[in-house]
Full PDB file with SEQRES, HELIX, SHEET, SSBOND, CRYST1, ORIGX, SCALE, CONECT and MASTER records, all heavy atoms in Angstrom:
SEQRES   1 A   41  VAL LEU LEU GLU GLN THR PHE GLY PHE TYR GLN ASP GLY          
SEQRES   2 A   41  ALA ARG LEU LEU LEU VAL VAL GLY VAL THR GLY LEU THR          
SEQRES   3 A   41  LEU LEU THR ALA ALA GLN TYR ILE THR ARG GLY MET ALA          
SEQRES   4 A   41  MET VAL                                                      
HELIX    1 AA1 LEU A    2  PHE A    7  1                                   6    
HELIX    2 AA2 ASP A   12  MET A   40  1                                  29    
CRYST1    1.000    1.000    1.000  90.00  90.00  90.00 P 1           1          
ORIGX1      1.000000  0.000000  0.000000        0.00000                         
ORIGX2      0.000000  1.000000  0.000000        0.00000                         
ORIGX3      0.000000  0.000000  1.000000        0.00000                         
SCALE1      1.000000  0.000000  0.000000        0.00000                         
SCALE2      0.000000  1.000000  0.000000        0.00000                         
SCALE3      0.000000  0.000000  1.000000        0.00000                         
ATOM      1  N   VAL A   1      41.623 -37.437 -36.959  1.00  0.00           N  
ATOM      2  CA  VAL A   1      41.045 -38.467 -36.087  1.00  0.00           C  
ATOM      3  C   VAL A   1      41.314 -39.855 -36.654  1.00  0.00           C  
ATOM      4  O   VAL A   1      41.672 -40.793 -35.916  1.00  0.00           O  
ATOM      5  CB  VAL A   1      39.530 -38.225 -35.871  1.00  0.00           C  
ATOM      6  CG1 VAL A   1      38.861 -39.413 -35.208  1.00  0.00           C  
ATOM      7  CG2 VAL A   1      39.320 -36.960 -35.054  1.00  0.00           C  
ATOM      8  N   LEU A   2      41.178 -40.012 -37.962  1.00  0.00           N  
ATOM      9  CA  LEU A   2      41.444 -41.320 -38.579  1.00  0.00           C  
ATOM     10  C   LEU A   2      42.911 -41.716 -38.418  1.00  0.00           C  
ATOM     11  O   LEU A   2      43.225 -42.886 -38.151  1.00  0.00           O  
ATOM     12  CB  LEU A   2      41.044 -41.306 -40.047  1.00  0.00           C  
ATOM     13  CG  LEU A   2      39.541 -41.243 -40.321  1.00  0.00           C  
ATOM     14  CD1 LEU A   2      39.270 -41.096 -41.812  1.00  0.00           C  
ATOM     15  CD2 LEU A   2      38.825 -42.461 -39.763  1.00  0.00           C  
ATOM     16  N   LEU A   3      43.816 -40.768 -38.563  1.00  0.00           N  
ATOM     17  CA  LEU A   3      45.238 -41.049 -38.363  1.00  0.00           C  
ATOM     18  C   LEU A   3      45.531 -41.400 -36.908  1.00  0.00           C  
ATOM     19  O   LEU A   3      46.312 -42.320 -36.628  1.00  0.00           O  
ATOM     20  CB  LEU A   3      46.090 -39.861 -38.808  1.00  0.00           C  
ATOM     21  CG  LEU A   3      46.178 -39.646 -40.316  1.00  0.00           C  
ATOM     22  CD1 LEU A   3      46.863 -38.317 -40.637  1.00  0.00           C  
ATOM     23  CD2 LEU A   3      46.903 -40.806 -40.983  1.00  0.00           C  
ATOM     24  N   GLU A   4      44.899 -40.674 -35.981  1.00  0.00           N  
ATOM     25  CA  GLU A   4      45.050 -41.001 -34.557  1.00  0.00           C  
ATOM     26  C   GLU A   4      44.641 -42.448 -34.283  1.00  0.00           C  
ATOM     27  O   GLU A   4      45.359 -43.194 -33.618  1.00  0.00           O  
ATOM     28  CB  GLU A   4      44.169 -40.088 -33.695  1.00  0.00           C  
ATOM     29  CG  GLU A   4      44.736 -38.767 -33.352  1.00  0.00           C  
ATOM     30  CD  GLU A   4      43.844 -38.024 -32.366  1.00  0.00           C  
ATOM     31  OE1 GLU A   4      42.599 -38.134 -32.443  1.00  0.00           O  
ATOM     32  OE2 GLU A   4      44.401 -37.335 -31.507  1.00  0.00           O  
ATOM     33  N   GLN A   5      43.485 -42.813 -34.804  1.00  0.00           N  
ATOM     34  CA  GLN A   5      42.951 -44.150 -34.539  1.00  0.00           C  
ATOM     35  C   GLN A   5      43.753 -45.234 -35.261  1.00  0.00           C  
ATOM     36  O   GLN A   5      43.925 -46.330 -34.739  1.00  0.00           O  
ATOM     37  CB  GLN A   5      41.475 -44.222 -34.946  1.00  0.00           C  
ATOM     38  CG  GLN A   5      40.580 -43.314 -34.138  1.00  0.00           C  
ATOM     39  CD  GLN A   5      40.632 -43.611 -32.651  1.00  0.00           C  
ATOM     40  OE1 GLN A   5      40.631 -44.759 -32.222  1.00  0.00           O  
ATOM     41  NE2 GLN A   5      40.699 -42.549 -31.851  1.00  0.00           N  
ATOM     42  N   THR A   6      44.235 -44.927 -36.443  1.00  0.00           N  
ATOM     43  CA  THR A   6      44.974 -45.920 -37.222  1.00  0.00           C  
ATOM     44  C   THR A   6      46.353 -46.197 -36.627  1.00  0.00           C  
ATOM     45  O   THR A   6      46.769 -47.355 -36.518  1.00  0.00           O  
ATOM     46  CB  THR A   6      45.133 -45.440 -38.681  1.00  0.00           C  
ATOM     47  OG1 THR A   6      43.836 -45.269 -39.252  1.00  0.00           O  
ATOM     48  CG2 THR A   6      45.916 -46.450 -39.516  1.00  0.00           C  
ATOM     49  N   PHE A   7      47.044 -45.134 -36.248  1.00  0.00           N  
ATOM     50  CA  PHE A   7      48.427 -45.287 -35.805  1.00  0.00           C  
ATOM     51  C   PHE A   7      48.605 -45.206 -34.294  1.00  0.00           C  
ATOM     52  O   PHE A   7      49.718 -45.334 -33.793  1.00  0.00           O  
ATOM     53  CB  PHE A   7      49.320 -44.265 -36.511  1.00  0.00           C  
ATOM     54  CG  PHE A   7      49.365 -44.470 -37.993  1.00  0.00           C  
ATOM     55  CD1 PHE A   7      48.753 -43.565 -38.843  1.00  0.00           C  
ATOM     56  CD2 PHE A   7      49.988 -45.584 -38.542  1.00  0.00           C  
ATOM     57  CE1 PHE A   7      48.782 -43.770 -40.219  1.00  0.00           C  
ATOM     58  CE2 PHE A   7      50.020 -45.796 -39.907  1.00  0.00           C  
ATOM     59  CZ  PHE A   7      49.412 -44.882 -40.753  1.00  0.00           C  
ATOM     60  N   GLY A   8      47.525 -44.974 -33.567  1.00  0.00           N  
ATOM     61  CA  GLY A   8      47.577 -45.000 -32.121  1.00  0.00           C  
ATOM     62  C   GLY A   8      48.307 -43.837 -31.469  1.00  0.00           C  
ATOM     63  O   GLY A   8      48.755 -43.949 -30.344  1.00  0.00           O  
ATOM     64  N   PHE A   9      48.432 -42.741 -32.184  1.00  0.00           N  
ATOM     65  CA  PHE A   9      49.011 -41.549 -31.556  1.00  0.00           C  
ATOM     66  C   PHE A   9      47.866 -40.607 -31.232  1.00  0.00           C  
ATOM     67  O   PHE A   9      46.952 -40.439 -32.016  1.00  0.00           O  
ATOM     68  CB  PHE A   9      50.045 -40.858 -32.458  1.00  0.00           C  
ATOM     69  CG  PHE A   9      49.459 -40.089 -33.594  1.00  0.00           C  
ATOM     70  CD1 PHE A   9      49.172 -38.730 -33.458  1.00  0.00           C  
ATOM     71  CD2 PHE A   9      49.185 -40.696 -34.810  1.00  0.00           C  
ATOM     72  CE1 PHE A   9      48.622 -38.003 -34.499  1.00  0.00           C  
ATOM     73  CE2 PHE A   9      48.628 -39.970 -35.859  1.00  0.00           C  
ATOM     74  CZ  PHE A   9      48.357 -38.632 -35.706  1.00  0.00           C  
ATOM     75  N   TYR A  10      47.892 -40.054 -30.063  1.00  0.00           N  
ATOM     76  CA  TYR A  10      46.786 -39.210 -29.631  1.00  0.00           C  
ATOM     77  C   TYR A  10      47.326 -37.846 -29.230  1.00  0.00           C  
ATOM     78  O   TYR A  10      48.193 -37.740 -28.372  1.00  0.00           O  
ATOM     79  CB  TYR A  10      46.012 -39.872 -28.486  1.00  0.00           C  
ATOM     80  CG  TYR A  10      45.444 -41.194 -28.931  1.00  0.00           C  
ATOM     81  CD1 TYR A  10      46.081 -42.384 -28.627  1.00  0.00           C  
ATOM     82  CD2 TYR A  10      44.295 -41.228 -29.709  1.00  0.00           C  
ATOM     83  CE1 TYR A  10      45.575 -43.596 -29.074  1.00  0.00           C  
ATOM     84  CE2 TYR A  10      43.789 -42.437 -30.163  1.00  0.00           C  
ATOM     85  CZ  TYR A  10      44.428 -43.618 -29.842  1.00  0.00           C  
ATOM     86  OH  TYR A  10      43.931 -44.803 -30.297  1.00  0.00           O  
ATOM     87  N   GLN A  11      46.834 -36.852 -29.887  1.00  0.00           N  
ATOM     88  CA  GLN A  11      47.238 -35.470 -29.653  1.00  0.00           C  
ATOM     89  C   GLN A  11      46.002 -34.683 -29.230  1.00  0.00           C  
ATOM     90  O   GLN A  11      45.342 -34.044 -30.056  1.00  0.00           O  
ATOM     91  CB  GLN A  11      47.855 -34.872 -30.928  1.00  0.00           C  
ATOM     92  CG  GLN A  11      49.067 -35.600 -31.428  1.00  0.00           C  
ATOM     93  CD  GLN A  11      50.228 -35.473 -30.469  1.00  0.00           C  
ATOM     94  OE1 GLN A  11      50.450 -34.411 -29.899  1.00  0.00           O  
ATOM     95  NE2 GLN A  11      50.959 -36.556 -30.264  1.00  0.00           N  
ATOM     96  N   ASP A  12      45.662 -34.769 -27.949  1.00  0.00           N  
ATOM     97  CA  ASP A  12      44.437 -34.155 -27.454  1.00  0.00           C  
ATOM     98  C   ASP A  12      44.373 -32.662 -27.738  1.00  0.00           C  
ATOM     99  O   ASP A  12      43.324 -32.138 -28.100  1.00  0.00           O  
ATOM    100  CB  ASP A  12      44.278 -34.402 -25.956  1.00  0.00           C  
ATOM    101  CG  ASP A  12      44.057 -35.874 -25.637  1.00  0.00           C  
ATOM    102  OD1 ASP A  12      43.581 -36.608 -26.522  1.00  0.00           O  
ATOM    103  OD2 ASP A  12      44.365 -36.285 -24.505  1.00  0.00           O  
ATOM    104  N   GLY A  13      45.483 -31.966 -27.587  1.00  0.00           N  
ATOM    105  CA  GLY A  13      45.495 -30.522 -27.819  1.00  0.00           C  
ATOM    106  C   GLY A  13      45.193 -30.158 -29.261  1.00  0.00           C  
ATOM    107  O   GLY A  13      44.391 -29.268 -29.534  1.00  0.00           O  
ATOM    108  N   ALA A  14      45.820 -30.870 -30.192  1.00  0.00           N  
ATOM    109  CA  ALA A  14      45.594 -30.589 -31.614  1.00  0.00           C  
ATOM    110  C   ALA A  14      44.156 -30.937 -32.002  1.00  0.00           C  
ATOM    111  O   ALA A  14      43.505 -30.187 -32.738  1.00  0.00           O  
ATOM    112  CB  ALA A  14      46.589 -31.373 -32.468  1.00  0.00           C  
ATOM    113  N   ARG A  15      43.665 -32.078 -31.495  1.00  0.00           N  
ATOM    114  CA  ARG A  15      42.285 -32.465 -31.807  1.00  0.00           C  
ATOM    115  C   ARG A  15      41.304 -31.446 -31.232  1.00  0.00           C  
ATOM    116  O   ARG A  15      40.357 -31.041 -31.900  1.00  0.00           O  
ATOM    117  CB  ARG A  15      41.961 -33.864 -31.284  1.00  0.00           C  
ATOM    118  CG  ARG A  15      40.583 -34.334 -31.746  1.00  0.00           C  
ATOM    119  CD  ARG A  15      40.177 -35.735 -31.295  1.00  0.00           C  
ATOM    120  NE  ARG A  15      41.182 -36.559 -30.696  1.00  0.00           N  
ATOM    121  CZ  ARG A  15      41.365 -36.680 -29.373  1.00  0.00           C  
ATOM    122  NH1 ARG A  15      40.610 -36.015 -28.525  1.00  0.00           N  
ATOM    123  NH2 ARG A  15      42.298 -37.489 -28.899  1.00  0.00           N  
ATOM    124  N   LEU A  16      41.552 -31.009 -30.004  1.00  0.00           N  
ATOM    125  CA  LEU A  16      40.682 -30.008 -29.381  1.00  0.00           C  
ATOM    126  C   LEU A  16      40.688 -28.709 -30.182  1.00  0.00           C  
ATOM    127  O   LEU A  16      39.636 -28.110 -30.403  1.00  0.00           O  
ATOM    128  CB  LEU A  16      41.111 -29.741 -27.939  1.00  0.00           C  
ATOM    129  CG  LEU A  16      40.306 -28.668 -27.193  1.00  0.00           C  
ATOM    130  CD1 LEU A  16      38.844 -29.083 -27.085  1.00  0.00           C  
ATOM    131  CD2 LEU A  16      40.914 -28.412 -25.825  1.00  0.00           C  
ATOM    132  N   LEU A  17      41.844 -28.287 -30.642  1.00  0.00           N  
ATOM    133  CA  LEU A  17      41.941 -27.079 -31.456  1.00  0.00           C  
ATOM    134  C   LEU A  17      41.120 -27.208 -32.737  1.00  0.00           C  
ATOM    135  O   LEU A  17      40.389 -26.289 -33.116  1.00  0.00           O  
ATOM    136  CB  LEU A  17      43.405 -26.785 -31.785  1.00  0.00           C  
ATOM    137  CG  LEU A  17      43.692 -25.485 -32.512  1.00  0.00           C  
ATOM    138  CD1 LEU A  17      43.288 -24.289 -31.663  1.00  0.00           C  
ATOM    139  CD2 LEU A  17      45.167 -25.409 -32.874  1.00  0.00           C  
ATOM    140  N   LEU A  18      41.205 -28.363 -33.391  1.00  0.00           N  
ATOM    141  CA  LEU A  18      40.409 -28.592 -34.602  1.00  0.00           C  
ATOM    142  C   LEU A  18      38.918 -28.641 -34.286  1.00  0.00           C  
ATOM    143  O   LEU A  18      38.103 -28.081 -35.032  1.00  0.00           O  
ATOM    144  CB  LEU A  18      40.853 -29.885 -35.291  1.00  0.00           C  
ATOM    145  CG  LEU A  18      42.176 -29.817 -36.046  1.00  0.00           C  
ATOM    146  CD1 LEU A  18      42.654 -31.215 -36.426  1.00  0.00           C  
ATOM    147  CD2 LEU A  18      42.048 -28.939 -37.279  1.00  0.00           C  
ATOM    148  N   VAL A  19      38.543 -29.286 -33.196  1.00  0.00           N  
ATOM    149  CA  VAL A  19      37.125 -29.363 -32.814  1.00  0.00           C  
ATOM    150  C   VAL A  19      36.582 -27.964 -32.528  1.00  0.00           C  
ATOM    151  O   VAL A  19      35.487 -27.605 -32.996  1.00  0.00           O  
ATOM    152  CB  VAL A  19      36.920 -30.296 -31.598  1.00  0.00           C  
ATOM    153  CG1 VAL A  19      35.523 -30.136 -31.007  1.00  0.00           C  
ATOM    154  CG2 VAL A  19      37.151 -31.745 -32.000  1.00  0.00           C  
ATOM    155  N   VAL A  20      37.335 -27.165 -31.799  1.00  0.00           N  
ATOM    156  CA  VAL A  20      36.897 -25.800 -31.492  1.00  0.00           C  
ATOM    157  C   VAL A  20      36.797 -24.976 -32.778  1.00  0.00           C  
ATOM    158  O   VAL A  20      35.831 -24.238 -32.971  1.00  0.00           O  
ATOM    159  CB  VAL A  20      37.852 -25.141 -30.467  1.00  0.00           C  
ATOM    160  CG1 VAL A  20      37.588 -23.651 -30.348  1.00  0.00           C  
ATOM    161  CG2 VAL A  20      37.720 -25.818 -29.116  1.00  0.00           C  
ATOM    162  N   GLY A  21      37.783 -25.113 -33.660  1.00  0.00           N  
ATOM    163  CA  GLY A  21      37.754 -24.384 -34.928  1.00  0.00           C  
ATOM    164  C   GLY A  21      36.560 -24.759 -35.790  1.00  0.00           C  
ATOM    165  O   GLY A  21      35.865 -23.898 -36.327  1.00  0.00           O  
ATOM    166  N   VAL A  22      36.305 -26.058 -35.912  1.00  0.00           N  
ATOM    167  CA  VAL A  22      35.164 -26.519 -36.705  1.00  0.00           C  
ATOM    168  C   VAL A  22      33.854 -26.062 -36.070  1.00  0.00           C  
ATOM    169  O   VAL A  22      32.944 -25.602 -36.766  1.00  0.00           O  
ATOM    170  CB  VAL A  22      35.195 -28.055 -36.885  1.00  0.00           C  
ATOM    171  CG1 VAL A  22      33.883 -28.576 -37.455  1.00  0.00           C  
ATOM    172  CG2 VAL A  22      36.357 -28.466 -37.776  1.00  0.00           C  
ATOM    173  N   THR A  23      33.757 -26.152 -34.755  1.00  0.00           N  
ATOM    174  CA  THR A  23      32.542 -25.716 -34.061  1.00  0.00           C  
ATOM    175  C   THR A  23      32.278 -24.240 -34.307  1.00  0.00           C  
ATOM    176  O   THR A  23      31.180 -23.844 -34.706  1.00  0.00           O  
ATOM    177  CB  THR A  23      32.647 -25.984 -32.549  1.00  0.00           C  
ATOM    178  OG1 THR A  23      32.837 -27.388 -32.337  1.00  0.00           O  
ATOM    179  CG2 THR A  23      31.403 -25.524 -31.817  1.00  0.00           C  
ATOM    180  N   GLY A  24      33.297 -23.417 -34.098  1.00  0.00           N  
ATOM    181  CA  GLY A  24      33.140 -21.978 -34.284  1.00  0.00           C  
ATOM    182  C   GLY A  24      32.798 -21.602 -35.711  1.00  0.00           C  
ATOM    183  O   GLY A  24      31.880 -20.808 -35.956  1.00  0.00           O  
ATOM    184  N   LEU A  25      33.514 -22.177 -36.666  1.00  0.00           N  
ATOM    185  CA  LEU A  25      33.248 -21.842 -38.070  1.00  0.00           C  
ATOM    186  C   LEU A  25      31.911 -22.397 -38.546  1.00  0.00           C  
ATOM    187  O   LEU A  25      31.245 -21.784 -39.375  1.00  0.00           O  
ATOM    188  CB  LEU A  25      34.380 -22.339 -38.968  1.00  0.00           C  
ATOM    189  CG  LEU A  25      35.622 -21.460 -38.970  1.00  0.00           C  
ATOM    190  CD1 LEU A  25      36.767 -22.138 -39.711  1.00  0.00           C  
ATOM    191  CD2 LEU A  25      35.327 -20.105 -39.596  1.00  0.00           C  
ATOM    192  N   THR A  26      31.504 -23.531 -38.018  1.00  0.00           N  
ATOM    193  CA  THR A  26      30.198 -24.079 -38.389  1.00  0.00           C  
ATOM    194  C   THR A  26      29.086 -23.155 -37.907  1.00  0.00           C  
ATOM    195  O   THR A  26      28.147 -22.849 -38.657  1.00  0.00           O  
ATOM    196  CB  THR A  26      30.022 -25.503 -37.834  1.00  0.00           C  
ATOM    197  OG1 THR A  26      31.051 -26.337 -38.376  1.00  0.00           O  
ATOM    198  CG2 THR A  26      28.663 -26.080 -38.190  1.00  0.00           C  
ATOM    199  N   LEU A  27      29.197 -22.676 -36.684  1.00  0.00           N  
ATOM    200  CA  LEU A  27      28.196 -21.735 -36.161  1.00  0.00           C  
ATOM    201  C   LEU A  27      28.227 -20.416 -36.930  1.00  0.00           C  
ATOM    202  O   LEU A  27      27.172 -19.875 -37.294  1.00  0.00           O  
ATOM    203  CB  LEU A  27      28.440 -21.488 -34.668  1.00  0.00           C  
ATOM    204  CG  LEU A  27      28.154 -22.658 -33.733  1.00  0.00           C  
ATOM    205  CD1 LEU A  27      28.689 -22.375 -32.342  1.00  0.00           C  
ATOM    206  CD2 LEU A  27      26.661 -22.971 -33.706  1.00  0.00           C  
ATOM    207  N   LEU A  28      29.426 -19.898 -37.183  1.00  0.00           N  
ATOM    208  CA  LEU A  28      29.565 -18.642 -37.916  1.00  0.00           C  
ATOM    209  C   LEU A  28      28.980 -18.740 -39.316  1.00  0.00           C  
ATOM    210  O   LEU A  28      28.193 -17.888 -39.734  1.00  0.00           O  
ATOM    211  CB  LEU A  28      31.040 -18.230 -37.994  1.00  0.00           C  
ATOM    212  CG  LEU A  28      31.339 -16.998 -38.855  1.00  0.00           C  
ATOM    213  CD1 LEU A  28      30.744 -15.754 -38.231  1.00  0.00           C  
ATOM    214  CD2 LEU A  28      32.835 -16.855 -39.068  1.00  0.00           C  
ATOM    215  N   THR A  29      29.337 -19.788 -40.038  1.00  0.00           N  
ATOM    216  CA  THR A  29      28.852 -19.903 -41.417  1.00  0.00           C  
ATOM    217  C   THR A  29      27.358 -20.200 -41.474  1.00  0.00           C  
ATOM    218  O   THR A  29      26.684 -19.745 -42.406  1.00  0.00           O  
ATOM    219  CB  THR A  29      29.645 -20.966 -42.208  1.00  0.00           C  
ATOM    220  OG1 THR A  29      29.591 -22.223 -41.522  1.00  0.00           O  
ATOM    221  CG2 THR A  29      31.101 -20.539 -42.383  1.00  0.00           C  
ATOM    222  N   ALA A  30      26.828 -20.916 -40.493  1.00  0.00           N  
ATOM    223  CA  ALA A  30      25.378 -21.121 -40.453  1.00  0.00           C  
ATOM    224  C   ALA A  30      24.680 -19.777 -40.319  1.00  0.00           C  
ATOM    225  O   ALA A  30      23.717 -19.492 -41.041  1.00  0.00           O  
ATOM    226  CB  ALA A  30      24.996 -22.046 -39.299  1.00  0.00           C  
ATOM    227  N   ALA A  31      25.183 -18.942 -39.416  1.00  0.00           N  
ATOM    228  CA  ALA A  31      24.596 -17.608 -39.228  1.00  0.00           C  
ATOM    229  C   ALA A  31      24.741 -16.768 -40.500  1.00  0.00           C  
ATOM    230  O   ALA A  31      23.807 -16.055 -40.891  1.00  0.00           O  
ATOM    231  CB  ALA A  31      25.257 -16.904 -38.048  1.00  0.00           C  
ATOM    232  N   GLN A  32      25.881 -16.854 -41.158  1.00  0.00           N  
ATOM    233  CA  GLN A  32      26.089 -16.094 -42.392  1.00  0.00           C  
ATOM    234  C   GLN A  32      25.085 -16.515 -43.473  1.00  0.00           C  
ATOM    235  O   GLN A  32      24.501 -15.663 -44.147  1.00  0.00           O  
ATOM    236  CB  GLN A  32      27.512 -16.289 -42.919  1.00  0.00           C  
ATOM    237  CG  GLN A  32      28.558 -15.569 -42.127  1.00  0.00           C  
ATOM    238  CD  GLN A  32      29.962 -15.869 -42.630  1.00  0.00           C  
ATOM    239  OE1 GLN A  32      30.262 -16.967 -43.101  1.00  0.00           O  
ATOM    240  NE2 GLN A  32      30.837 -14.878 -42.503  1.00  0.00           N  
ATOM    241  N   TYR A  33      24.911 -17.814 -43.639  1.00  0.00           N  
ATOM    242  CA  TYR A  33      23.994 -18.289 -44.680  1.00  0.00           C  
ATOM    243  C   TYR A  33      22.545 -17.975 -44.352  1.00  0.00           C  
ATOM    244  O   TYR A  33      21.757 -17.657 -45.246  1.00  0.00           O  
ATOM    245  CB  TYR A  33      24.195 -19.777 -44.955  1.00  0.00           C  
ATOM    246  CG  TYR A  33      25.436 -20.047 -45.781  1.00  0.00           C  
ATOM    247  CD1 TYR A  33      26.448 -20.863 -45.311  1.00  0.00           C  
ATOM    248  CD2 TYR A  33      25.606 -19.461 -47.030  1.00  0.00           C  
ATOM    249  CE1 TYR A  33      27.585 -21.098 -46.064  1.00  0.00           C  
ATOM    250  CE2 TYR A  33      26.735 -19.688 -47.786  1.00  0.00           C  
ATOM    251  CZ  TYR A  33      27.729 -20.509 -47.301  1.00  0.00           C  
ATOM    252  OH  TYR A  33      28.848 -20.731 -48.067  1.00  0.00           O  
ATOM    253  N   ILE A  34      22.177 -18.055 -43.092  1.00  0.00           N  
ATOM    254  CA  ILE A  34      20.816 -17.683 -42.707  1.00  0.00           C  
ATOM    255  C   ILE A  34      20.587 -16.204 -42.991  1.00  0.00           C  
ATOM    256  O   ILE A  34      19.553 -15.813 -43.542  1.00  0.00           O  
ATOM    257  CB  ILE A  34      20.550 -18.032 -41.223  1.00  0.00           C  
ATOM    258  CG1 ILE A  34      20.487 -19.548 -41.051  1.00  0.00           C  
ATOM    259  CG2 ILE A  34      19.267 -17.362 -40.728  1.00  0.00           C  
ATOM    260  CD1 ILE A  34      20.519 -20.013 -39.599  1.00  0.00           C  
ATOM    261  N   THR A  35      21.567 -15.375 -42.644  1.00  0.00           N  
ATOM    262  CA  THR A  35      21.468 -13.934 -42.897  1.00  0.00           C  
ATOM    263  C   THR A  35      21.369 -13.649 -44.389  1.00  0.00           C  
ATOM    264  O   THR A  35      20.548 -12.828 -44.826  1.00  0.00           O  
ATOM    265  CB  THR A  35      22.686 -13.199 -42.294  1.00  0.00           C  
ATOM    266  OG1 THR A  35      22.736 -13.490 -40.890  1.00  0.00           O  
ATOM    267  CG2 THR A  35      22.606 -11.715 -42.504  1.00  0.00           C  
ATOM    268  N   ARG A  36      22.195 -14.313 -45.182  1.00  0.00           N  
ATOM    269  CA  ARG A  36      22.147 -14.133 -46.638  1.00  0.00           C  
ATOM    270  C   ARG A  36      20.785 -14.545 -47.214  1.00  0.00           C  
ATOM    271  O   ARG A  36      20.238 -13.876 -48.076  1.00  0.00           O  
ATOM    272  CB  ARG A  36      23.236 -14.963 -47.320  1.00  0.00           C  
ATOM    273  CG  ARG A  36      24.607 -14.402 -47.232  1.00  0.00           C  
ATOM    274  CD  ARG A  36      25.567 -15.295 -47.983  1.00  0.00           C  
ATOM    275  NE  ARG A  36      26.920 -14.792 -47.964  1.00  0.00           N  
ATOM    276  CZ  ARG A  36      27.885 -15.302 -48.690  1.00  0.00           C  
ATOM    277  NH1 ARG A  36      27.661 -16.347 -49.475  1.00  0.00           N  
ATOM    278  NH2 ARG A  36      29.106 -14.798 -48.634  1.00  0.00           N  
ATOM    279  N   GLY A  37      20.280 -15.670 -46.733  1.00  0.00           N  
ATOM    280  CA  GLY A  37      18.986 -16.147 -47.218  1.00  0.00           C  
ATOM    281  C   GLY A  37      17.870 -15.177 -46.884  1.00  0.00           C  
ATOM    282  O   GLY A  37      16.998 -14.893 -47.712  1.00  0.00           O  
ATOM    283  N   MET A  38      17.895 -14.651 -45.661  1.00  0.00           N  
ATOM    284  CA  MET A  38      16.862 -13.693 -45.266  1.00  0.00           C  
ATOM    285  C   MET A  38      16.987 -12.407 -46.095  1.00  0.00           C  
ATOM    286  O   MET A  38      15.964 -11.791 -46.424  1.00  0.00           O  
ATOM    287  CB  MET A  38      16.958 -13.426 -43.778  1.00  0.00           C  
ATOM    288  CG  MET A  38      16.615 -14.667 -42.954  1.00  0.00           C  
ATOM    289  SD  MET A  38      16.812 -14.427 -41.199  1.00  0.00           S  
ATOM    290  CE  MET A  38      15.273 -13.614 -40.817  1.00  0.00           C  
ATOM    291  N   ALA A  39      18.193 -12.014 -46.421  1.00  0.00           N  
ATOM    292  CA  ALA A  39      18.392 -10.817 -47.256  1.00  0.00           C  
ATOM    293  C   ALA A  39      17.831 -11.059 -48.656  1.00  0.00           C  
ATOM    294  O   ALA A  39      17.276 -10.145 -49.274  1.00  0.00           O  
ATOM    295  CB  ALA A  39      19.864 -10.458 -47.323  1.00  0.00           C  
ATOM    296  N   MET A  40      17.968 -12.269 -49.181  1.00  0.00           N  
ATOM    297  CA  MET A  40      17.420 -12.575 -50.488  1.00  0.00           C  
ATOM    298  C   MET A  40      15.893 -12.468 -50.482  1.00  0.00           C  
ATOM    299  O   MET A  40      15.305 -11.971 -51.434  1.00  0.00           O  
ATOM    300  CB  MET A  40      17.825 -14.001 -50.931  1.00  0.00           C  
ATOM    301  CG  MET A  40      19.252 -14.141 -51.317  1.00  0.00           C  
ATOM    302  SD  MET A  40      19.574 -15.886 -51.749  1.00  0.00           S  
ATOM    303  CE  MET A  40      21.195 -15.743 -52.447  1.00  0.00           C  
ATOM    304  N   VAL A  41      15.298 -12.943 -49.395  1.00  0.00           N  
ATOM    305  CA  VAL A  41      13.840 -12.842 -49.267  1.00  0.00           C  
ATOM    306  C   VAL A  41      13.442 -11.368 -49.185  1.00  0.00           C  
ATOM    307  O   VAL A  41      12.509 -10.930 -49.859  1.00  0.00           O  
ATOM    308  CB  VAL A  41      13.328 -13.605 -48.024  1.00  0.00           C  
ATOM    309  CG1 VAL A  41      11.864 -13.309 -47.759  1.00  0.00           C  
ATOM    310  CG2 VAL A  41      13.569 -15.103 -48.201  1.00  0.00           C  
TER     311      VAL A  41                                                      
MASTER        0    0    0    2    0    0    0    6  310    1    0    4          
END                                                                             
């Protein structure tokens, strides 16, 4: 995103792919850590 804004090139598809990847992995890892924490308890 910083490179897009700095150099004025916009790659909507690549940015969307990264946003979807980060969203999915953020949700997945949140669930994993919650599950791990509950198992510790």
